Amino acid sequence: MAITGGTYAYFTDSAQTTEQAIQAGDLEVRIDQSGQGVSNKPVKIANAAPGHVYVEDLAFPHAGHRWYRMRVTNTGSIDGEINSLEIVDLTGSTPNLADRLQIRAVVKQFGFEPGSFGNPGFEPLDNGKLDNLPGIKLVPAGQSVYIYFQIEWPNGSPEEDNPYMNATTSFKFRVNLDQVNQGN
């Protein structure tokens, strides 16, 4: 019996979806110290002296606690979290007044003073990240939080403070925002 070759036929079909598209969101931070209102003002201190804590009066001070305030807004489309608050572009006279000054800061979700957080400790006013920044640091997309801060010139001896008469300093804040739930 001989075997002969043959062809086999069968049906096939395929379909295609519509175009799939992916667009990345963004994380963008804006800081407001426009001077509008009572407390969203940059630091401008004249005639600073040892033994003082420098603050800006808020509209509704509680129990004598007063702070400067800056509004931090996430204008992006994804939720963020404050990773750090840094002092940058610190300049001044020789000696630089920043060598005698200290700062403390706290993050608060609402636009009123942070008395419920107590007072975080003061730390040196140096270039770099502030180590002690308590508070809830979540900044949802399209929303704002507030960073409250105070500047202090602690009392020192005349030998420590006298060289700083007429000294100056200036600095900027940098707020670093990270995406929430990275890699999840």
C-alpha atoms as a PDB file:
ATOM      1  CA  MET A   1       0.000   0.000   0.000  1.00  0.00           C
ATOM      2  CA  ALA A   2       1.390   3.304  -0.937  1.00  0.00           C
ATOM      3  CA  ILE A   3       1.125   6.453   1.196  1.00  0.00           C
ATOM      4  CA  THR A   4       0.609   9.617  -0.656  1.00  0.00           C
ATOM      5  CA  GLY A   5       1.197  13.130   0.625  1.00  0.00           C
ATOM      6  CA  GLY A   6      -1.703  15.452   1.203  1.00  0.00           C
ATOM      7  CA  THR A   7      -2.449  18.931   2.415  1.00  0.00           C
ATOM      8  CA  TYR A   8      -4.397  19.727   5.458  1.00  0.00           C
ATOM      9  CA  ALA A   9      -6.474  22.881   5.766  1.00  0.00           C
ATOM     10  CA  TYR A  10      -7.841  24.574   8.890  1.00  0.00           C
ATOM     11  CA  PHE A  11      -9.333  27.962   9.771  1.00  0.00           C
ATOM     12  CA  THR A  12      -7.509  30.781  11.630  1.00  0.00           C
ATOM     13  CA  ASP A  13      -8.458  34.264  12.718  1.00  0.00           C
ATOM     14  CA  SER A  14      -7.017  37.109  14.863  1.00  0.00           C
ATOM     15  CA  ALA A  15      -8.239  40.337  16.393  1.00  0.00           C
ATOM     16  CA  GLN A  16      -6.507  43.481  17.621  1.00  0.00           C
ATOM     17  CA  THR A  17      -7.384  45.825  20.471  1.00  0.00           C
ATOM     18  CA  THR A  18      -7.556  49.555  20.253  1.00  0.00           C
ATOM     19  CA  GLU A  19      -4.364  51.471  21.029  1.00  0.00           C
ATOM     20  CA  GLN A  20      -3.152  51.171  24.611  1.00  0.00           C
ATOM     21  CA  ALA A  21      -1.724  54.377  26.104  1.00  0.00           C
ATOM     22  CA  ILE A  22       0.187  55.163  29.270  1.00  0.00           C
ATOM     23  CA  GLN A  23       1.074  58.644  30.441  1.00  0.00           C
ATOM     24  CA  ALA A  24       3.188  59.292  33.520  1.00  0.00           C
ATOM     25  CA  GLY A  25       1.792  61.531  36.238  1.00  0.00           C
ATOM     26  CA  ASP A  26       3.836  64.262  37.803  1.00  0.00           C
ATOM     27  CA  LEU A  27       4.914  65.370  41.217  1.00  0.00           C
ATOM     28  CA  GLU A  28       5.447  69.102  41.500  1.00  0.00           C
ATOM     29  CA  VAL A  29       5.867  71.147  44.652  1.00  0.00           C
ATOM     30  CA  ARG A  30       5.244  74.869  45.126  1.00  0.00           C
ATOM     31  CA  ILE A  31       6.119  76.937  48.202  1.00  0.00           C
ATOM     32  CA  ASP A  32       4.138  80.062  49.056  1.00  0.00           C
ATOM     33  CA  GLN A  33       5.564  82.808  51.227  1.00  0.00           C
ATOM     34  CA  SER A  34       3.867  85.540  49.248  1.00  0.00           C
ATOM     35  CA  GLY A  35       3.337  87.853  52.186  1.00  0.00           C
ATOM     36  CA  GLN A  36      -0.429  87.611  51.824  1.00  0.00           C
ATOM     37  CA  GLY A  37      -2.250  87.126  55.076  1.00  0.00           C
ATOM     38  CA  VAL A  38      -0.654  87.397  58.454  1.00  0.00           C
ATOM     39  CA  SER A  39       1.775  84.513  58.456  1.00  0.00           C
ATOM     40  CA  ASN A  40       2.884  83.405  54.972  1.00  0.00           C
ATOM     41  CA  LYS A  41       5.813  85.807  54.952  1.00  0.00           C
ATOM     42  CA  PRO A  42       9.532  85.332  54.429  1.00  0.00           C
ATOM     43  CA  VAL A  43      11.832  85.961  57.366  1.00  0.00           C
ATOM     44  CA  LYS A  44      12.896  89.609  57.572  1.00  0.00           C
ATOM     45  CA  ILE A  45      14.477  90.385  60.950  1.00  0.00           C
ATOM     46  CA  ALA A  46      16.210  93.670  61.749  1.00  0.00           C
ATOM     47  CA  ASN A  47      18.114  94.346  64.973  1.00  0.00           C
ATOM     48  CA  ALA A  48      18.327  90.694  66.012  1.00  0.00           C
ATOM     49  CA  ALA A  49      19.775  90.109  69.466  1.00  0.00           C
ATOM     50  CA  PRO A  50      20.734  87.154  71.668  1.00  0.00           C
ATOM     51  CA  GLY A  51      18.022  85.642  73.840  1.00  0.00           C
ATOM     52  CA  HIS A  52      15.135  85.987  71.381  1.00  0.00           C
ATOM     53  CA  VAL A  53      12.926  83.563  69.473  1.00  0.00           C
ATOM     54  CA  TYR A  54      11.842  85.153  66.215  1.00  0.00           C
ATOM     55  CA  VAL A  55       8.342  84.423  64.947  1.00  0.00           C
ATOM     56  CA  GLU A  56       5.585  85.980  62.877  1.00  0.00           C
ATOM     57  CA  ASP A  57       2.219  86.479  64.563  1.00  0.00           C
ATOM     58  CA  LEU A  58      -0.425  84.133  63.232  1.00  0.00           C
ATOM     59  CA  ALA A  59      -4.050  85.105  62.831  1.00  0.00           C
ATOM     60  CA  PHE A  60      -5.128  82.757  65.647  1.00  0.00           C
ATOM     61  CA  PRO A  61      -2.271  82.271  68.119  1.00  0.00           C
ATOM     62  CA  HIS A  62      -2.908  79.634  70.783  1.00  0.00           C
ATOM     63  CA  ALA A  63      -1.375  79.851  74.247  1.00  0.00           C
ATOM     64  CA  GLY A  64       1.254  82.331  73.123  1.00  0.00           C
ATOM     65  CA  HIS A  65       2.814  80.050  70.510  1.00  0.00           C
ATOM     66  CA  ARG A  66       3.686  81.934  67.359  1.00  0.00           C
ATOM     67  CA  TRP A  67       5.453  80.707  64.223  1.00  0.00           C
ATOM     68  CA  TYR A  68       6.446  81.693  60.728  1.00  0.00           C
ATOM     69  CA  ARG A  69       4.574  79.641  58.169  1.00  0.00           C
ATOM     70  CA  MET A  70       5.069  78.525  54.591  1.00  0.00           C
ATOM     71  CA  ARG A  71       2.464  76.788  52.496  1.00  0.00           C
ATOM     72  CA  VAL A  72       3.645  73.714  50.565  1.00  0.00           C
ATOM     73  CA  THR A  73       1.371  72.665  47.687  1.00  0.00           C
ATOM     74  CA  ASN A  74       1.566  69.547  45.530  1.00  0.00           C
ATOM     75  CA  THR A  75       0.461  70.899  42.149  1.00  0.00           C
ATOM     76  CA  GLY A  76       1.157  67.538  40.519  1.00  0.00           C
ATOM     77  CA  SER A  77      -1.206  64.688  39.734  1.00  0.00           C
ATOM     78  CA  ILE A  78       0.154  62.033  42.131  1.00  0.00           C
ATOM     79  CA  ASP A  79       0.326  62.007  45.920  1.00  0.00           C
ATOM     80  CA  GLY A  80       3.563  63.080  47.541  1.00  0.00           C
ATOM     81  CA  GLU A  81       5.241  63.118  50.907  1.00  0.00           C
ATOM     82  CA  ILE A  82       7.724  65.641  52.277  1.00  0.00           C
ATOM     83  CA  ASN A  83      11.055  63.847  52.309  1.00  0.00           C
ATOM     84  CA  SER A  84      13.029  66.725  53.799  1.00  0.00           C
ATOM     85  CA  LEU A  85      13.262  70.416  54.512  1.00  0.00           C
ATOM     86  CA  GLU A  86      16.683  71.858  53.732  1.00  0.00           C
ATOM     87  CA  ILE A  87      18.485  75.131  54.315  1.00  0.00           C
ATOM     88  CA  VAL A  88      20.228  76.124  51.059  1.00  0.00           C
ATOM     89  CA  ASP A  89      22.134  79.111  49.672  1.00  0.00           C
ATOM     90  CA  LEU A  90      23.221  80.148  53.171  1.00  0.00           C
ATOM     91  CA  THR A  91      25.382  83.271  52.894  1.00  0.00           C
ATOM     92  CA  GLY A  92      26.298  86.160  55.127  1.00  0.00           C
ATOM     93  CA  SER A  93      28.932  88.398  56.572  1.00  0.00           C
ATOM     94  CA  THR A  94      32.112  87.280  58.301  1.00  0.00           C
ATOM     95  CA  PRO A  95      31.306  86.104  60.866  1.00  0.00           C
ATOM     96  CA  ASN A  96      28.056  84.701  59.497  1.00  0.00           C
ATOM     97  CA  LEU A  97      25.146  85.273  61.903  1.00  0.00           C
ATOM     98  CA  ALA A  98      23.862  81.776  61.058  1.00  0.00           C
ATOM     99  CA  ASP A  99      26.688  80.430  63.245  1.00  0.00           C
ATOM    100  CA  ARG A 100      24.731  81.669  66.297  1.00  0.00           C
ATOM    101  CA  LEU A 101      21.161  81.014  65.124  1.00  0.00           C
ATOM    102  CA  GLN A 102      18.995  77.923  65.500  1.00  0.00           C
ATOM    103  CA  ILE A 103      15.766  76.792  63.827  1.00  0.00           C
ATOM    104  CA  ARG A 104      12.918  74.426  64.562  1.00  0.00           C
ATOM    105  CA  ALA A 105      10.090  73.376  62.256  1.00  0.00           C
ATOM    106  CA  VAL A 106       6.983  71.177  62.153  1.00  0.00           C
ATOM    107  CA  VAL A 107       4.611  70.058  59.358  1.00  0.00           C
ATOM    108  CA  LYS A 108       0.885  70.563  59.886  1.00  0.00           C
ATOM    109  CA  GLN A 109      -1.956  69.570  57.581  1.00  0.00           C
ATOM    110  CA  PHE A 110      -4.120  72.579  58.378  1.00  0.00           C
ATOM    111  CA  GLY A 111      -3.649  76.322  58.233  1.00  0.00           C
ATOM    112  CA  PHE A 112      -3.373  76.977  61.946  1.00  0.00           C
ATOM    113  CA  GLU A 113      -0.532  76.769  64.393  1.00  0.00           C
ATOM    114  CA  PRO A 114       0.974  73.460  65.464  1.00  0.00           C
ATOM    115  CA  GLY A 115       0.501  73.643  69.228  1.00  0.00           C
ATOM    116  CA  SER A 116      -0.715  70.026  69.353  1.00  0.00           C
ATOM    117  CA  PHE A 117       2.724  68.818  68.230  1.00  0.00           C
ATOM    118  CA  GLY A 118       4.491  70.475  71.124  1.00  0.00           C
ATOM    119  CA  ASN A 119       7.727  72.172  70.317  1.00  0.00           C
ATOM    120  CA  PRO A 120      10.298  70.240  68.312  1.00  0.00           C
ATOM    121  CA  GLY A 121      13.866  70.873  69.388  1.00  0.00           C
ATOM    122  CA  PHE A 122      15.955  73.658  67.920  1.00  0.00           C
ATOM    123  CA  GLU A 123      18.886  72.701  65.717  1.00  0.00           C
ATOM    124  CA  PRO A 124      21.684  74.761  64.154  1.00  0.00           C
ATOM    125  CA  LEU A 125      20.824  76.965  61.195  1.00  0.00           C
ATOM    126  CA  ASP A 126      23.247  75.284  58.775  1.00  0.00           C
ATOM    127  CA  ASN A 127      23.277  74.395  55.096  1.00  0.00           C
ATOM    128  CA  GLY A 128      21.601  71.035  54.718  1.00  0.00           C
ATOM    129  CA  LYS A 129      18.660  68.981  55.859  1.00  0.00           C
ATOM    130  CA  LEU A 130      16.860  69.716  59.104  1.00  0.00           C
ATOM    131  CA  ASP A 131      17.038  66.518  61.114  1.00  0.00           C
ATOM    132  CA  ASN A 132      13.972  67.040  63.287  1.00  0.00           C
ATOM    133  CA  LEU A 133      10.847  67.680  61.188  1.00  0.00           C
ATOM    134  CA  PRO A 134       7.843  66.186  63.008  1.00  0.00           C
ATOM    135  CA  GLY A 135       4.310  66.091  61.703  1.00  0.00           C
ATOM    136  CA  ILE A 136       2.234  64.380  59.037  1.00  0.00           C
ATOM    137  CA  LYS A 137       4.168  64.892  55.818  1.00  0.00           C
ATOM    138  CA  LEU A 138       1.606  63.566  53.309  1.00  0.00           C
ATOM    139  CA  VAL A 139       0.767  66.088  50.556  1.00  0.00           C
ATOM    140  CA  PRO A 140      -2.002  64.643  48.352  1.00  0.00           C
ATOM    141  CA  ALA A 141      -2.156  65.736  44.712  1.00  0.00           C
ATOM    142  CA  GLY A 142      -3.694  69.188  44.438  1.00  0.00           C
ATOM    143  CA  GLN A 143      -3.543  69.863  48.187  1.00  0.00           C
ATOM    144  CA  SER A 144      -1.401  71.847  50.619  1.00  0.00           C
ATOM    145  CA  VAL A 145       0.241  71.460  54.014  1.00  0.00           C
ATOM    146  CA  TYR A 146       2.027  74.036  56.146  1.00  0.00           C
ATOM    147  CA  ILE A 147       5.540  74.070  57.521  1.00  0.00           C
ATOM    148  CA  TYR A 148       5.752  76.207  60.641  1.00  0.00           C
ATOM    149  CA  PHE A 149       9.132  77.369  61.895  1.00  0.00           C
ATOM    150  CA  GLN A 150      10.849  79.574  64.451  1.00  0.00           C
ATOM    151  CA  ILE A 151      14.328  81.111  64.511  1.00  0.00           C
ATOM    152  CA  GLU A 152      16.198  81.498  67.815  1.00  0.00           C
ATOM    153  CA  TRP A 153      19.342  83.317  68.865  1.00  0.00           C
ATOM    154  CA  PRO A 154      20.100  81.612  72.170  1.00  0.00           C
ATOM    155  CA  ASN A 155      21.775  83.541  74.980  1.00  0.00           C
ATOM    156  CA  GLY A 156      25.501  83.157  75.009  1.00  0.00           C
ATOM    157  CA  SER A 157      28.306  84.837  76.833  1.00  0.00           C
ATOM    158  CA  PRO A 158      29.463  88.286  75.668  1.00  0.00           C
ATOM    159  CA  GLU A 159      32.585  86.613  74.285  1.00  0.00           C
ATOM    160  CA  GLU A 160      30.377  84.352  72.131  1.00  0.00           C
ATOM    161  CA  ASP A 161      27.842  86.966  71.004  1.00  0.00           C
ATOM    162  CA  ASN A 162      29.769  90.247  70.728  1.00  0.00           C
ATOM    163  CA  PRO A 163      31.621  89.267  67.527  1.00  0.00           C
ATOM    164  CA  TYR A 164      28.213  88.972  65.818  1.00  0.00           C
ATOM    165  CA  MET A 165      27.161  92.596  66.294  1.00  0.00           C
ATOM    166  CA  ASN A 166      26.032  93.887  62.854  1.00  0.00           C
ATOM    167  CA  ALA A 167      26.554  90.414  61.342  1.00  0.00           C
ATOM    168  CA  THR A 168      24.150  89.205  58.650  1.00  0.00           C
ATOM    169  CA  THR A 169      22.867  85.975  57.172  1.00  0.00           C
ATOM    170  CA  SER A 170      20.435  84.903  54.480  1.00  0.00           C
ATOM    171  CA  PHE A 171      19.184  81.526  53.313  1.00  0.00           C
ATOM    172  CA  LYS A 172      16.504  79.754  51.315  1.00  0.00           C
ATOM    173  CA  PHE A 173      14.354  76.743  52.095  1.00  0.00           C
ATOM    174  CA  ARG A 174      14.162  73.726  49.786  1.00  0.00           C
ATOM    175  CA  VAL A 175      11.277  71.300  50.281  1.00  0.00           C
ATOM    176  CA  ASN A 176      11.841  67.861  48.769  1.00  0.00           C
ATOM    177  CA  LEU A 177       8.743  65.857  47.858  1.00  0.00           C
ATOM    178  CA  ASP A 178       8.753  62.114  47.097  1.00  0.00           C
ATOM    179  CA  GLN A 179       6.074  60.004  45.466  1.00  0.00           C
ATOM    180  CA  VAL A 180       3.954  58.113  47.990  1.00  0.00           C
ATOM    181  CA  ASN A 181       4.130  54.277  47.817  1.00  0.00           C
ATOM    182  CA  GLN A 182       7.211  54.091  45.622  1.00  0.00           C
ATOM    183  CA  GLY A 183       7.605  50.692  44.028  1.00  0.00           C
ATOM    184  CA  ASN A 184       4.316  49.245  45.349  1.00  0.00           C
END
